[in-house]
Amino acid sequence: MGTYTRVGLAGAGVTCGLLLLALSVGHNGDDDPAASTQPRNATAAPPKGPYVALGDSYTSGPGIPAQTGTPAGCDRSDRNYPALVAQKLEIKAADFRDVSCSGATLADLSAPQTTGDGVNPAQLSALSASTRLVTIGIGGNDIGFGSLVESCVKQGALYVATGSGKYTGDDAPCRGRYVSDSGDTDEVRQRIQAAGERLADTLREVEQRAPQAQVYVVGYPAILPAKGAGCDDDMTLAPDDATYLDDKERQLNSVLRERAASAGAGYVDTYTPSAGRDACSARETRWVEPLIPANAAAPVHPNDRGERGMADAVLRTLKASR
């Protein structure tokens, strides 16, 4: 996430600050560890670079010290998962390019992105025929996940203020804004499919620019619990709305995996290892921070523990491709 706005929400004595962040949603929708898939160009040994990391804020690591790189508006951490992967693979600094940026969409991979503090060049411009490893963590901003969370948090505050469903019998007030009464139409599902088509185009361009590279699409870690329980305080979400948001993340991850496989790219499952470590879980174990972070990170984004976990998932997938 790159750009965020503080929104005050009050109801039934509940006040929460939501930083609306363009989620580079980070997400993986599969619960099966075997969902990680392998790319073309796999070799007998892990690539030693050049390595290029593309992505949004779930890749860049906003709020995690130390922030580094240019432009400053991209909010890159020197402890985000690309940096940790490069360190573990002993890739030389000259052979590592992290061009991820908060707020990035798939369109920002092929065109300059204006941030609140500088302009990030088109991320794909970092690729070349010499590139041997590429990771891509993106898609959440394309489906408007940040706005979706904001909307559901507002609905959740109202839900609490009006008796937590006692009088309406509706435990998913936000879901009704996106899903038709019949259930046949789901606006967010349509966004996910469109994002998948854009990713397919992006992966074709990545192959053209870096034909010898191993390419991995990195899914998003668990942001909310699958059952929606325990999110009334930290996230101010009605229980079934939390479940709905988790379901949309799973769908996004599933489409990311499918598109990666179709393009001959690998897929990294970060959802499975992060299950139970979502924003509504304990401070000491969670990978993603809630609306008001207790660990150094941007709201509703991975903390240092989460970035380490994502790096481990990338490294496991690299190892499995040998």
C-alpha atoms as a PDB file:
ATOM      1  CA  MET A   1       0.000   0.000   0.000  1.00  0.00           C
ATOM      2  CA  GLY A   2       1.259   3.376  -0.746  1.00  0.00           C
ATOM      3  CA  THR A   3      -1.387   6.015  -0.306  1.00  0.00           C
ATOM      4  CA  TYR A   4      -3.564   6.053   2.751  1.00  0.00           C
ATOM      5  CA  THR A   5      -6.153   8.286   4.344  1.00  0.00           C
ATOM      6  CA  ARG A   6      -7.257   8.222   7.949  1.00  0.00           C
ATOM      7  CA  VAL A   7     -10.992   7.792   8.335  1.00  0.00           C
ATOM      8  CA  GLY A   8     -12.691   8.225  11.696  1.00  0.00           C
ATOM      9  CA  LEU A   9     -15.422   5.686  12.514  1.00  0.00           C
ATOM     10  CA  ALA A  10     -17.586   5.940  15.595  1.00  0.00           C
ATOM     11  CA  GLY A  11     -20.488   3.865  16.832  1.00  0.00           C
ATOM     12  CA  ALA A  12     -21.632   2.219  20.055  1.00  0.00           C
ATOM     13  CA  GLY A  13     -18.598   3.686  21.769  1.00  0.00           C
ATOM     14  CA  VAL A  14     -16.335   2.124  19.172  1.00  0.00           C
ATOM     15  CA  THR A  15     -13.825   4.378  17.447  1.00  0.00           C
ATOM     16  CA  CYS A  16     -11.331   3.000  14.969  1.00  0.00           C
ATOM     17  CA  GLY A  17      -8.824   4.637  12.691  1.00  0.00           C
ATOM     18  CA  LEU A  18      -8.691   3.062   9.264  1.00  0.00           C
ATOM     19  CA  LEU A  19      -5.790   3.809   7.020  1.00  0.00           C
ATOM     20  CA  LEU A  20      -7.175   3.166   3.564  1.00  0.00           C
ATOM     21  CA  LEU A  21      -4.240   1.604   1.820  1.00  0.00           C
ATOM     22  CA  ALA A  22      -3.903   0.501  -1.743  1.00  0.00           C
ATOM     23  CA  LEU A  23      -3.315  -3.165  -1.005  1.00  0.00           C
ATOM     24  CA  SER A  24      -0.776  -4.807  -3.116  1.00  0.00           C
ATOM     25  CA  VAL A  25      -2.496  -7.526  -1.758  1.00  0.00           C
ATOM     26  CA  GLY A  26      -1.336  -8.554  -1.049  1.00  0.00           C
ATOM     27  CA  HIS A  27      -3.234 -12.933  -1.250  1.00  0.00           C
ATOM     28  CA  ASN A  28      -3.281 -16.615  -1.702  1.00  0.00           C
ATOM     29  CA  GLY A  29      -6.646 -18.196  -1.887  1.00  0.00           C
ATOM     30  CA  ASP A  30      -5.625 -21.825  -1.673  1.00  0.00           C
ATOM     31  CA  ASP A  31      -5.260 -23.778   1.552  1.00  0.00           C
ATOM     32  CA  ASP A  32      -3.256 -26.526  -0.137  1.00  0.00           C
ATOM     33  CA  PRO A  33       0.539 -26.169   0.208  1.00  0.00           C
ATOM     34  CA  ALA A  34       0.817 -28.060  -3.064  1.00  0.00           C
ATOM     35  CA  ALA A  35      -0.800 -25.031  -4.704  1.00  0.00           C
ATOM     36  CA  SER A  36       2.692 -23.576  -5.191  1.00  0.00           C
ATOM     37  CA  THR A  37       3.691 -24.245  -8.776  1.00  0.00           C
ATOM     38  CA  GLN A  38       6.972 -24.206 -10.636  1.00  0.00           C
ATOM     39  CA  PRO A  39       8.098 -22.023 -13.545  1.00  0.00           C
ATOM     40  CA  ARG A  40       9.778 -22.702 -16.820  1.00  0.00           C
ATOM     41  CA  ASN A  41      13.553 -22.165 -16.850  1.00  0.00           C
ATOM     42  CA  ALA A  42      13.963 -23.969 -13.509  1.00  0.00           C
ATOM     43  CA  THR A  43      17.585 -25.000 -13.010  1.00  0.00           C
ATOM     44  CA  ALA A  44      19.499 -27.372 -10.775  1.00  0.00           C
ATOM     45  CA  ALA A  45      20.619 -24.583  -8.459  1.00  0.00           C
ATOM     46  CA  PRO A  46      18.858 -21.454  -7.173  1.00  0.00           C
ATOM     47  CA  PRO A  47      19.546 -18.470  -9.416  1.00  0.00           C
ATOM     48  CA  LYS A  48      22.201 -16.078  -8.141  1.00  0.00           C
ATOM     49  CA  GLY A  49      20.682 -13.164  -9.994  1.00  0.00           C
ATOM     50  CA  PRO A  50      20.123 -10.813 -11.494  1.00  0.00           C
ATOM     51  CA  TYR A  51      16.906 -10.744  -9.440  1.00  0.00           C
ATOM     52  CA  VAL A  52      14.099  -8.221  -9.991  1.00  0.00           C
ATOM     53  CA  ALA A  53      11.230  -7.860  -7.511  1.00  0.00           C
ATOM     54  CA  LEU A  54       7.979  -6.358  -8.793  1.00  0.00           C
ATOM     55  CA  GLY A  55       4.887  -5.626  -6.746  1.00  0.00           C
ATOM     56  CA  ASP A  56       2.741  -3.490  -4.519  1.00  0.00           C
ATOM     57  CA  SER A  57       2.849  -2.666  -0.804  1.00  0.00           C
ATOM     58  CA  TYR A  58       2.624  -6.271   0.381  1.00  0.00           C
ATOM     59  CA  THR A  59       5.956  -6.632  -1.397  1.00  0.00           C
ATOM     60  CA  SER A  60       7.495  -3.257  -0.522  1.00  0.00           C
ATOM     61  CA  GLY A  61       6.771  -3.413   3.235  1.00  0.00           C
ATOM     62  CA  PRO A  62       5.476   0.037   4.286  1.00  0.00           C
ATOM     63  CA  GLY A  63       6.107   0.972   7.899  1.00  0.00           C
ATOM     64  CA  ILE A  64       8.723  -1.725   8.473  1.00  0.00           C
ATOM     65  CA  PRO A  65      12.104  -0.204   9.384  1.00  0.00           C
ATOM     66  CA  ALA A  66      14.318   0.651   7.780  1.00  0.00           C
ATOM     67  CA  GLN A  67      12.607   2.298   4.823  1.00  0.00           C
ATOM     68  CA  THR A  68      14.953   2.577   1.886  1.00  0.00           C
ATOM     69  CA  GLY A  69      15.261   3.185  -1.836  1.00  0.00           C
ATOM     70  CA  THR A  70      13.789   5.729  -4.204  1.00  0.00           C
ATOM     71  CA  PRO A  71      11.310   7.166  -4.613  1.00  0.00           C
ATOM     72  CA  ALA A  72      10.525   7.387  -0.904  1.00  0.00           C
ATOM     73  CA  GLY A  73       6.817   7.227  -1.718  1.00  0.00           C
ATOM     74  CA  CYS A  74       7.140   3.542  -2.624  1.00  0.00           C
ATOM     75  CA  ASP A  75       7.634   2.685   1.087  1.00  0.00           C
ATOM     76  CA  ARG A  76      10.191  -0.079   0.565  1.00  0.00           C
ATOM     77  CA  SER A  77      11.705  -1.787   3.576  1.00  0.00           C
ATOM     78  CA  ASP A  78      15.169  -3.286   3.641  1.00  0.00           C
ATOM     79  CA  ARG A  79      13.539  -6.239   5.441  1.00  0.00           C
ATOM     80  CA  ASN A  80      10.792  -6.976   2.929  1.00  0.00           C
ATOM     81  CA  TYR A  81      10.602 -10.431   1.422  1.00  0.00           C
ATOM     82  CA  PRO A  82      12.567  -9.614  -1.769  1.00  0.00           C
ATOM     83  CA  ALA A  83      15.466  -8.272   0.308  1.00  0.00           C
ATOM     84  CA  LEU A  84      15.411 -11.359   2.519  1.00  0.00           C
ATOM     85  CA  VAL A  85      15.275 -13.700  -0.469  1.00  0.00           C
ATOM     86  CA  ALA A  86      18.214 -11.907  -2.106  1.00  0.00           C
ATOM     87  CA  GLN A  87      20.178 -12.125   1.130  1.00  0.00           C
ATOM     88  CA  LYS A  88      19.487 -15.832   1.575  1.00  0.00           C
ATOM     89  CA  LEU A  89      20.440 -16.607  -2.030  1.00  0.00           C
ATOM     90  CA  GLU A  90      23.605 -14.513  -1.605  1.00  0.00           C
ATOM     91  CA  ILE A  91      22.723 -12.369  -4.579  1.00  0.00           C
ATOM     92  CA  LYS A  92      25.097  -9.451  -4.996  1.00  0.00           C
ATOM     93  CA  ALA A  93      23.695  -5.981  -4.401  1.00  0.00           C
ATOM     94  CA  ALA A  94      24.473  -5.045  -7.998  1.00  0.00           C
ATOM     95  CA  ASP A  95      22.326  -7.963  -9.178  1.00  0.00           C
ATOM     96  CA  PHE A  96      19.255  -7.151  -7.055  1.00  0.00           C
ATOM     97  CA  ARG A  97      16.579  -4.645  -8.094  1.00  0.00           C
ATOM     98  CA  ASP A  98      13.545  -4.085  -5.874  1.00  0.00           C
ATOM     99  CA  VAL A  99      11.177  -1.802  -7.787  1.00  0.00           C
ATOM    100  CA  SER A 100       8.014  -2.665  -5.833  1.00  0.00           C
ATOM    101  CA  CYS A 101       5.861   0.275  -4.801  1.00  0.00           C
ATOM    102  CA  SER A 102       2.972   0.955  -2.450  1.00  0.00           C
ATOM    103  CA  GLY A 103      -0.299   1.469  -4.260  1.00  0.00           C
ATOM    104  CA  ALA A 104       0.885  -0.224  -7.449  1.00  0.00           C
ATOM    105  CA  THR A 105      -1.591  -1.791  -9.837  1.00  0.00           C
ATOM    106  CA  LEU A 106      -0.818  -3.995 -12.799  1.00  0.00           C
ATOM    107  CA  ALA A 107      -0.877  -0.884 -14.989  1.00  0.00           C
ATOM    108  CA  ASP A 108       1.976   0.548 -12.920  1.00  0.00           C
ATOM    109  CA  LEU A 109       4.226  -2.288 -14.029  1.00  0.00           C
ATOM    110  CA  SER A 110       4.302  -0.912 -17.553  1.00  0.00           C
ATOM    111  CA  ALA A 111       3.963   2.835 -16.882  1.00  0.00           C
ATOM    112  CA  PRO A 112       5.444   5.324 -14.373  1.00  0.00           C
ATOM    113  CA  GLN A 113       3.613   5.521 -11.038  1.00  0.00           C
ATOM    114  CA  THR A 114       3.207   8.821  -9.226  1.00  0.00           C
ATOM    115  CA  THR A 115       3.443   8.484  -5.443  1.00  0.00           C
ATOM    116  CA  GLY A 116       3.078  11.008  -2.636  1.00  0.00           C
ATOM    117  CA  ASP A 117       6.851  11.418  -2.709  1.00  0.00           C
ATOM    118  CA  GLY A 118       8.327  10.898  -6.158  1.00  0.00           C
ATOM    119  CA  VAL A 119       7.659   8.943  -9.333  1.00  0.00           C
ATOM    120  CA  ASN A 120       8.469   5.243  -9.660  1.00  0.00           C
ATOM    121  CA  PRO A 121       9.525   4.268 -13.196  1.00  0.00           C
ATOM    122  CA  ALA A 122       7.593   1.513 -14.935  1.00  0.00           C
ATOM    123  CA  GLN A 123       8.540  -1.551 -12.922  1.00  0.00           C
ATOM    124  CA  LEU A 124       9.004  -3.737 -15.990  1.00  0.00           C
ATOM    125  CA  SER A 125      11.785  -1.415 -17.154  1.00  0.00           C
ATOM    126  CA  ALA A 126      14.030  -3.094 -14.563  1.00  0.00           C
ATOM    127  CA  LEU A 127      13.914  -6.359 -16.534  1.00  0.00           C
ATOM    128  CA  SER A 128      16.437  -7.352 -19.181  1.00  0.00           C
ATOM    129  CA  ALA A 129      17.667 -10.360 -21.088  1.00  0.00           C
ATOM    130  CA  SER A 130      20.181 -10.981 -18.286  1.00  0.00           C
ATOM    131  CA  THR A 131      17.500 -11.234 -15.550  1.00  0.00           C
ATOM    132  CA  ARG A 132      17.355 -14.733 -14.066  1.00  0.00           C
ATOM    133  CA  LEU A 133      14.793 -14.413 -11.246  1.00  0.00           C
ATOM    134  CA  VAL A 134      11.562 -12.395 -11.062  1.00  0.00           C
ATOM    135  CA  THR A 135       8.966 -12.273  -8.293  1.00  0.00           C
ATOM    136  CA  ILE A 136       5.629 -10.490  -8.779  1.00  0.00           C
ATOM    137  CA  GLY A 137       3.297  -9.708  -5.888  1.00  0.00           C
ATOM    138  CA  ILE A 138       0.361  -7.678  -7.169  1.00  0.00           C
ATOM    139  CA  GLY A 139      -3.384  -7.641  -7.835  1.00  0.00           C
ATOM    140  CA  GLY A 140      -5.000  -6.391  -4.636  1.00  0.00           C
ATOM    141  CA  ASN A 141      -5.144  -2.778  -5.758  1.00  0.00           C
ATOM    142  CA  ASP A 142      -6.646  -3.826  -9.074  1.00  0.00           C
ATOM    143  CA  ILE A 143      -9.690  -5.207  -7.277  1.00  0.00           C
ATOM    144  CA  GLY A 144      -9.882  -2.232  -4.895  1.00  0.00           C
ATOM    145  CA  PHE A 145      -9.291  -4.343  -1.805  1.00  0.00           C
ATOM    146  CA  GLY A 146      -8.372  -1.299   0.286  1.00  0.00           C
ATOM    147  CA  SER A 147     -11.649   0.444  -0.539  1.00  0.00           C
ATOM    148  CA  LEU A 148     -13.485  -2.805   0.084  1.00  0.00           C
ATOM    149  CA  VAL A 149     -12.005  -3.105   3.572  1.00  0.00           C
ATOM    150  CA  GLU A 150     -12.819   0.539   4.292  1.00  0.00           C
ATOM    151  CA  SER A 151     -16.431   0.038   3.256  1.00  0.00           C
ATOM    152  CA  CYS A 152     -16.809  -3.084   5.368  1.00  0.00           C
ATOM    153  CA  VAL A 153     -15.222  -1.428   8.414  1.00  0.00           C
ATOM    154  CA  LYS A 154     -17.744   1.422   8.191  1.00  0.00           C
ATOM    155  CA  GLN A 155     -20.571  -1.067   7.886  1.00  0.00           C
ATOM    156  CA  GLY A 156     -19.111  -2.981  10.820  1.00  0.00           C
ATOM    157  CA  ALA A 157     -19.150   0.089  13.063  1.00  0.00           C
ATOM    158  CA  LEU A 158     -22.823   0.620  12.210  1.00  0.00           C
ATOM    159  CA  TYR A 159     -23.478  -3.083  12.762  1.00  0.00           C
ATOM    160  CA  VAL A 160     -22.115  -2.837  16.313  1.00  0.00           C
ATOM    161  CA  ALA A 161     -23.970   0.420  17.005  1.00  0.00           C
ATOM    162  CA  THR A 162     -27.293  -1.130  16.016  1.00  0.00           C
ATOM    163  CA  GLY A 163     -27.109  -4.286  18.104  1.00  0.00           C
ATOM    164  CA  SER A 164     -24.689  -6.518  16.187  1.00  0.00           C
ATOM    165  CA  GLY A 165     -27.402  -8.021  14.025  1.00  0.00           C
ATOM    166  CA  LYS A 166     -29.815  -8.584  16.894  1.00  0.00           C
ATOM    167  CA  TYR A 167     -32.583  -6.619  15.220  1.00  0.00           C
ATOM    168  CA  THR A 168     -31.718  -7.054  11.553  1.00  0.00           C
ATOM    169  CA  GLY A 169     -30.528 -10.638  11.538  1.00  0.00           C
ATOM    170  CA  ASP A 170     -27.867  -9.567   9.040  1.00  0.00           C
ATOM    171  CA  ASP A 171     -24.301 -10.516   9.947  1.00  0.00           C
ATOM    172  CA  ALA A 172     -22.937  -9.454   6.530  1.00  0.00           C
ATOM    173  CA  PRO A 173     -24.146  -5.886   5.904  1.00  0.00           C
ATOM    174  CA  CYS A 174     -21.161  -5.108   3.685  1.00  0.00           C
ATOM    175  CA  ARG A 175     -21.439  -8.214   1.514  1.00  0.00           C
ATOM    176  CA  GLY A 176     -24.892  -7.085   0.425  1.00  0.00           C
ATOM    177  CA  ARG A 177     -23.383  -4.032  -1.223  1.00  0.00           C
ATOM    178  CA  TYR A 178     -21.390  -6.173  -3.643  1.00  0.00           C
ATOM    179  CA  VAL A 179     -23.429  -9.349  -4.071  1.00  0.00           C
ATOM    180  CA  SER A 180     -26.907  -9.456  -5.601  1.00  0.00           C
ATOM    181  CA  ASP A 181     -29.793 -10.870  -3.577  1.00  0.00           C
ATOM    182  CA  SER A 182     -29.807 -13.956  -5.794  1.00  0.00           C
ATOM    183  CA  GLY A 183     -26.068 -14.384  -5.391  1.00  0.00           C
ATOM    184  CA  ASP A 184     -25.650 -14.559  -9.169  1.00  0.00           C
ATOM    185  CA  THR A 185     -23.726 -11.295  -9.394  1.00  0.00           C
ATOM    186  CA  ASP A 186     -20.683 -10.466  -7.285  1.00  0.00           C
ATOM    187  CA  GLU A 187     -18.992  -7.199  -8.211  1.00  0.00           C
ATOM    188  CA  VAL A 188     -15.709  -8.119  -6.525  1.00  0.00           C
ATOM    189  CA  ARG A 189     -15.565 -11.495  -8.254  1.00  0.00           C
ATOM    190  CA  GLN A 190     -15.877  -9.674 -11.571  1.00  0.00           C
ATOM    191  CA  ARG A 191     -12.985  -7.397 -10.602  1.00  0.00           C
ATOM    192  CA  ILE A 192     -10.881 -10.444  -9.749  1.00  0.00           C
ATOM    193  CA  GLN A 193     -11.476 -12.006 -13.155  1.00  0.00           C
ATOM    194  CA  ALA A 194     -10.533  -8.744 -14.880  1.00  0.00           C
ATOM    195  CA  ALA A 195      -7.337  -8.531 -12.819  1.00  0.00           C
ATOM    196  CA  GLY A 196      -6.497 -12.067 -13.892  1.00  0.00           C
ATOM    197  CA  GLU A 197      -6.736 -11.078 -17.530  1.00  0.00           C
ATOM    198  CA  ARG A 198      -4.436  -8.113 -16.953  1.00  0.00           C
ATOM    199  CA  LEU A 199      -1.948 -10.355 -15.148  1.00  0.00           C
ATOM    200  CA  ALA A 200      -1.896 -12.718 -18.127  1.00  0.00           C
ATOM    201  CA  ASP A 201      -0.907  -9.809 -20.370  1.00  0.00           C
ATOM    202  CA  THR A 202       1.756  -8.727 -17.866  1.00  0.00           C
ATOM    203  CA  LEU A 203       3.305 -12.185 -17.667  1.00  0.00           C
ATOM    204  CA  ARG A 204       3.596 -12.324 -21.443  1.00  0.00           C
ATOM    205  CA  GLU A 205       5.484  -9.025 -21.368  1.00  0.00           C
ATOM    206  CA  VAL A 206       7.737 -10.269 -18.559  1.00  0.00           C
ATOM    207  CA  GLU A 207       8.660 -13.296 -20.684  1.00  0.00           C
ATOM    208  CA  GLN A 208       9.478 -11.082 -23.646  1.00  0.00           C
ATOM    209  CA  ARG A 209      11.707  -8.808 -21.578  1.00  0.00           C
ATOM    210  CA  ALA A 210      13.367 -11.540 -19.493  1.00  0.00           C
ATOM    211  CA  PRO A 211      13.126 -14.781 -21.510  1.00  0.00           C
ATOM    212  CA  GLN A 212      15.705 -16.650 -19.395  1.00  0.00           C
ATOM    213  CA  ALA A 213      14.231 -15.757 -16.015  1.00  0.00           C
ATOM    214  CA  GLN A 214      12.428 -17.962 -13.558  1.00  0.00           C
ATOM    215  CA  VAL A 215       9.213 -16.064 -12.825  1.00  0.00           C
ATOM    216  CA  TYR A 216       7.137 -16.500  -9.655  1.00  0.00           C
ATOM    217  CA  VAL A 217       3.799 -14.894  -8.846  1.00  0.00           C
ATOM    218  CA  VAL A 218       3.608 -14.435  -5.075  1.00  0.00           C
ATOM    219  CA  GLY A 219       0.149 -14.794  -3.522  1.00  0.00           C
ATOM    220  CA  TYR A 220      -1.179 -12.817  -0.581  1.00  0.00           C
ATOM    221  CA  PRO A 221      -0.952 -14.015   3.042  1.00  0.00           C
ATOM    222  CA  ALA A 222      -4.065 -14.468   5.185  1.00  0.00           C
ATOM    223  CA  ILE A 223      -5.405 -11.031   6.063  1.00  0.00           C
ATOM    224  CA  LEU A 224      -8.526 -12.172   7.917  1.00  0.00           C
ATOM    225  CA  PRO A 225      -9.585 -15.462   9.508  1.00  0.00           C
ATOM    226  CA  ALA A 226     -11.468 -17.913   7.317  1.00  0.00           C
ATOM    227  CA  LYS A 227     -14.338 -18.177   9.810  1.00  0.00           C
ATOM    228  CA  GLY A 228     -14.578 -14.447  10.468  1.00  0.00           C
ATOM    229  CA  ALA A 229     -14.387 -14.765  14.246  1.00  0.00           C
ATOM    230  CA  GLY A 230     -12.508 -12.360  16.504  1.00  0.00           C
ATOM    231  CA  CYS A 231     -12.482  -9.365  14.148  1.00  0.00           C
ATOM    232  CA  ASP A 232     -15.027  -7.189  15.928  1.00  0.00           C
ATOM    233  CA  ASP A 233     -12.390  -5.343  17.986  1.00  0.00           C
ATOM    234  CA  ASP A 234      -9.211  -5.131  15.907  1.00  0.00           C
ATOM    235  CA  MET A 235     -10.935  -4.722  12.547  1.00  0.00           C
ATOM    236  CA  THR A 236     -14.507  -3.664  13.437  1.00  0.00           C
ATOM    237  CA  LEU A 237     -15.992  -6.135  10.973  1.00  0.00           C
ATOM    238  CA  ALA A 238     -19.282  -7.981  11.137  1.00  0.00           C
ATOM    239  CA  PRO A 239     -18.422 -11.709  11.350  1.00  0.00           C
ATOM    240  CA  ASP A 240     -19.834 -12.755   7.982  1.00  0.00           C
ATOM    241  CA  ASP A 241     -18.268  -9.736   6.295  1.00  0.00           C
ATOM    242  CA  ALA A 242     -14.861 -10.847   7.560  1.00  0.00           C
ATOM    243  CA  THR A 243     -15.596 -14.247   6.047  1.00  0.00           C
ATOM    244  CA  TYR A 244     -16.640 -12.597   2.779  1.00  0.00           C
ATOM    245  CA  LEU A 245     -13.407 -10.586   2.572  1.00  0.00           C
ATOM    246  CA  ASP A 246     -11.354 -13.708   3.247  1.00  0.00           C
ATOM    247  CA  ASP A 247     -13.292 -15.512   0.517  1.00  0.00           C
ATOM    248  CA  LYS A 248     -12.482 -12.727  -1.962  1.00  0.00           C
ATOM    249  CA  GLU A 249      -8.803 -12.970  -1.053  1.00  0.00           C
ATOM    250  CA  ARG A 250      -8.899 -16.704  -1.662  1.00  0.00           C
ATOM    251  CA  GLN A 251     -10.526 -16.141  -5.031  1.00  0.00           C
ATOM    252  CA  LEU A 252      -7.883 -13.596  -5.968  1.00  0.00           C
ATOM    253  CA  ASN A 253      -5.098 -15.971  -4.986  1.00  0.00           C
ATOM    254  CA  SER A 254      -6.706 -18.754  -6.959  1.00  0.00           C
ATOM    255  CA  VAL A 255      -6.827 -16.604 -10.091  1.00  0.00           C
ATOM    256  CA  LEU A 256      -3.206 -15.515  -9.562  1.00  0.00           C
ATOM    257  CA  ARG A 257      -2.172 -19.176  -9.354  1.00  0.00           C
ATOM    258  CA  GLU A 258      -4.169 -20.145 -12.437  1.00  0.00           C
ATOM    259  CA  ARG A 259      -2.759 -17.318 -14.514  1.00  0.00           C
ATOM    260  CA  ALA A 260       0.776 -18.083 -13.363  1.00  0.00           C
ATOM    261  CA  ALA A 261       0.412 -21.719 -14.374  1.00  0.00           C
ATOM    262  CA  SER A 262      -1.045 -20.802 -17.767  1.00  0.00           C
ATOM    263  CA  ALA A 263       1.911 -18.506 -18.437  1.00  0.00           C
ATOM    264  CA  GLY A 264       4.516 -21.065 -17.400  1.00  0.00           C
ATOM    265  CA  ALA A 265       5.359 -19.105 -14.255  1.00  0.00           C
ATOM    266  CA  GLY A 266       5.642 -20.442 -10.727  1.00  0.00           C
ATOM    267  CA  TYR A 267       3.256 -19.626  -7.916  1.00  0.00           C
ATOM    268  CA  VAL A 268       4.163 -19.039  -4.262  1.00  0.00           C
ATOM    269  CA  ASP A 269       1.501 -19.878  -1.683  1.00  0.00           C
ATOM    270  CA  THR A 270       1.825 -17.533   1.287  1.00  0.00           C
ATOM    271  CA  TYR A 271      -1.742 -18.016   2.512  1.00  0.00           C
ATOM    272  CA  THR A 272      -1.302 -21.539   3.865  1.00  0.00           C
ATOM    273  CA  PRO A 273       1.692 -20.802   6.144  1.00  0.00           C
ATOM    274  CA  SER A 274       0.009 -17.623   7.397  1.00  0.00           C
ATOM    275  CA  ALA A 275      -3.343 -19.205   8.289  1.00  0.00           C
ATOM    276  CA  GLY A 276      -4.137 -18.353  11.912  1.00  0.00           C
ATOM    277  CA  ARG A 277      -1.668 -15.454  11.775  1.00  0.00           C
ATOM    278  CA  ASP A 278      -4.053 -12.896  10.289  1.00  0.00           C
ATOM    279  CA  ALA A 279      -4.784  -9.345  11.459  1.00  0.00           C
ATOM    280  CA  CYS A 280      -7.325 -10.594  14.026  1.00  0.00           C
ATOM    281  CA  SER A 281      -4.878 -12.956  15.735  1.00  0.00           C
ATOM    282  CA  ALA A 282      -2.486 -12.330  18.632  1.00  0.00           C
ATOM    283  CA  ARG A 283       0.118  -9.586  18.379  1.00  0.00           C
ATOM    284  CA  GLU A 284       2.914 -12.065  19.103  1.00  0.00           C
ATOM    285  CA  THR A 285       2.084 -14.371  16.183  1.00  0.00           C
ATOM    286  CA  ARG A 286       0.294 -12.408  13.474  1.00  0.00           C
ATOM    287  CA  TRP A 287       1.818 -11.677  10.091  1.00  0.00           C
ATOM    288  CA  VAL A 288      -0.581  -8.852   9.211  1.00  0.00           C
ATOM    289  CA  GLU A 289      -1.373  -5.869  11.420  1.00  0.00           C
ATOM    290  CA  PRO A 290      -4.940  -4.686  12.132  1.00  0.00           C
ATOM    291  CA  LEU A 291      -6.306  -1.140  11.752  1.00  0.00           C
ATOM    292  CA  ILE A 292      -4.182   0.137  14.617  1.00  0.00           C
ATOM    293  CA  PRO A 293      -0.814  -1.656  14.333  1.00  0.00           C
ATOM    294  CA  ALA A 294       0.892  -2.890  17.480  1.00  0.00           C
ATOM    295  CA  ASN A 295       3.973  -3.929  15.520  1.00  0.00           C
ATOM    296  CA  ALA A 296       5.921  -1.762  13.096  1.00  0.00           C
ATOM    297  CA  ALA A 297       3.951  -1.868   9.854  1.00  0.00           C
ATOM    298  CA  ALA A 298       1.242  -0.024   7.970  1.00  0.00           C
ATOM    299  CA  PRO A 299      -2.364  -0.832   8.923  1.00  0.00           C
ATOM    300  CA  VAL A 300      -3.711  -4.016   7.331  1.00  0.00           C
ATOM    301  CA  HIS A 301      -0.258  -4.876   5.970  1.00  0.00           C
ATOM    302  CA  PRO A 302       2.436  -7.445   6.732  1.00  0.00           C
ATOM    303  CA  ASN A 303       4.772  -6.754   9.632  1.00  0.00           C
ATOM    304  CA  ASP A 304       8.393  -7.905   9.845  1.00  0.00           C
ATOM    305  CA  ARG A 305       7.252 -11.404  10.840  1.00  0.00           C
ATOM    306  CA  GLY A 306       4.958 -11.530   7.833  1.00  0.00           C
ATOM    307  CA  GLU A 307       7.660 -10.482   5.394  1.00  0.00           C
ATOM    308  CA  ARG A 308       9.973 -13.152   6.830  1.00  0.00           C
ATOM    309  CA  GLY A 309       7.229 -15.717   6.425  1.00  0.00           C
ATOM    310  CA  MET A 310       6.638 -14.680   2.839  1.00  0.00           C
ATOM    311  CA  ALA A 311      10.378 -14.869   2.126  1.00  0.00           C
ATOM    312  CA  ASP A 312      10.458 -18.391   3.554  1.00  0.00           C
ATOM    313  CA  ALA A 313       7.558 -19.366   1.287  1.00  0.00           C
ATOM    314  CA  VAL A 314       9.420 -18.031  -1.762  1.00  0.00           C
ATOM    315  CA  LEU A 315      12.580 -19.883  -0.786  1.00  0.00           C
ATOM    316  CA  ARG A 316      10.679 -23.142  -0.198  1.00  0.00           C
ATOM    317  CA  THR A 317       9.109 -22.877  -3.622  1.00  0.00           C
ATOM    318  CA  LEU A 318      12.481 -22.163  -5.223  1.00  0.00           C
ATOM    319  CA  LYS A 319      13.940 -25.201  -3.485  1.00  0.00           C
ATOM    320  CA  ALA A 320      11.032 -27.416  -4.576  1.00  0.00           C
ATOM    321  CA  SER A 321      11.656 -26.506  -8.214  1.00  0.00           C
ATOM    322  CA  ARG A 322      15.102 -28.116  -8.216  1.00  0.00           C
END
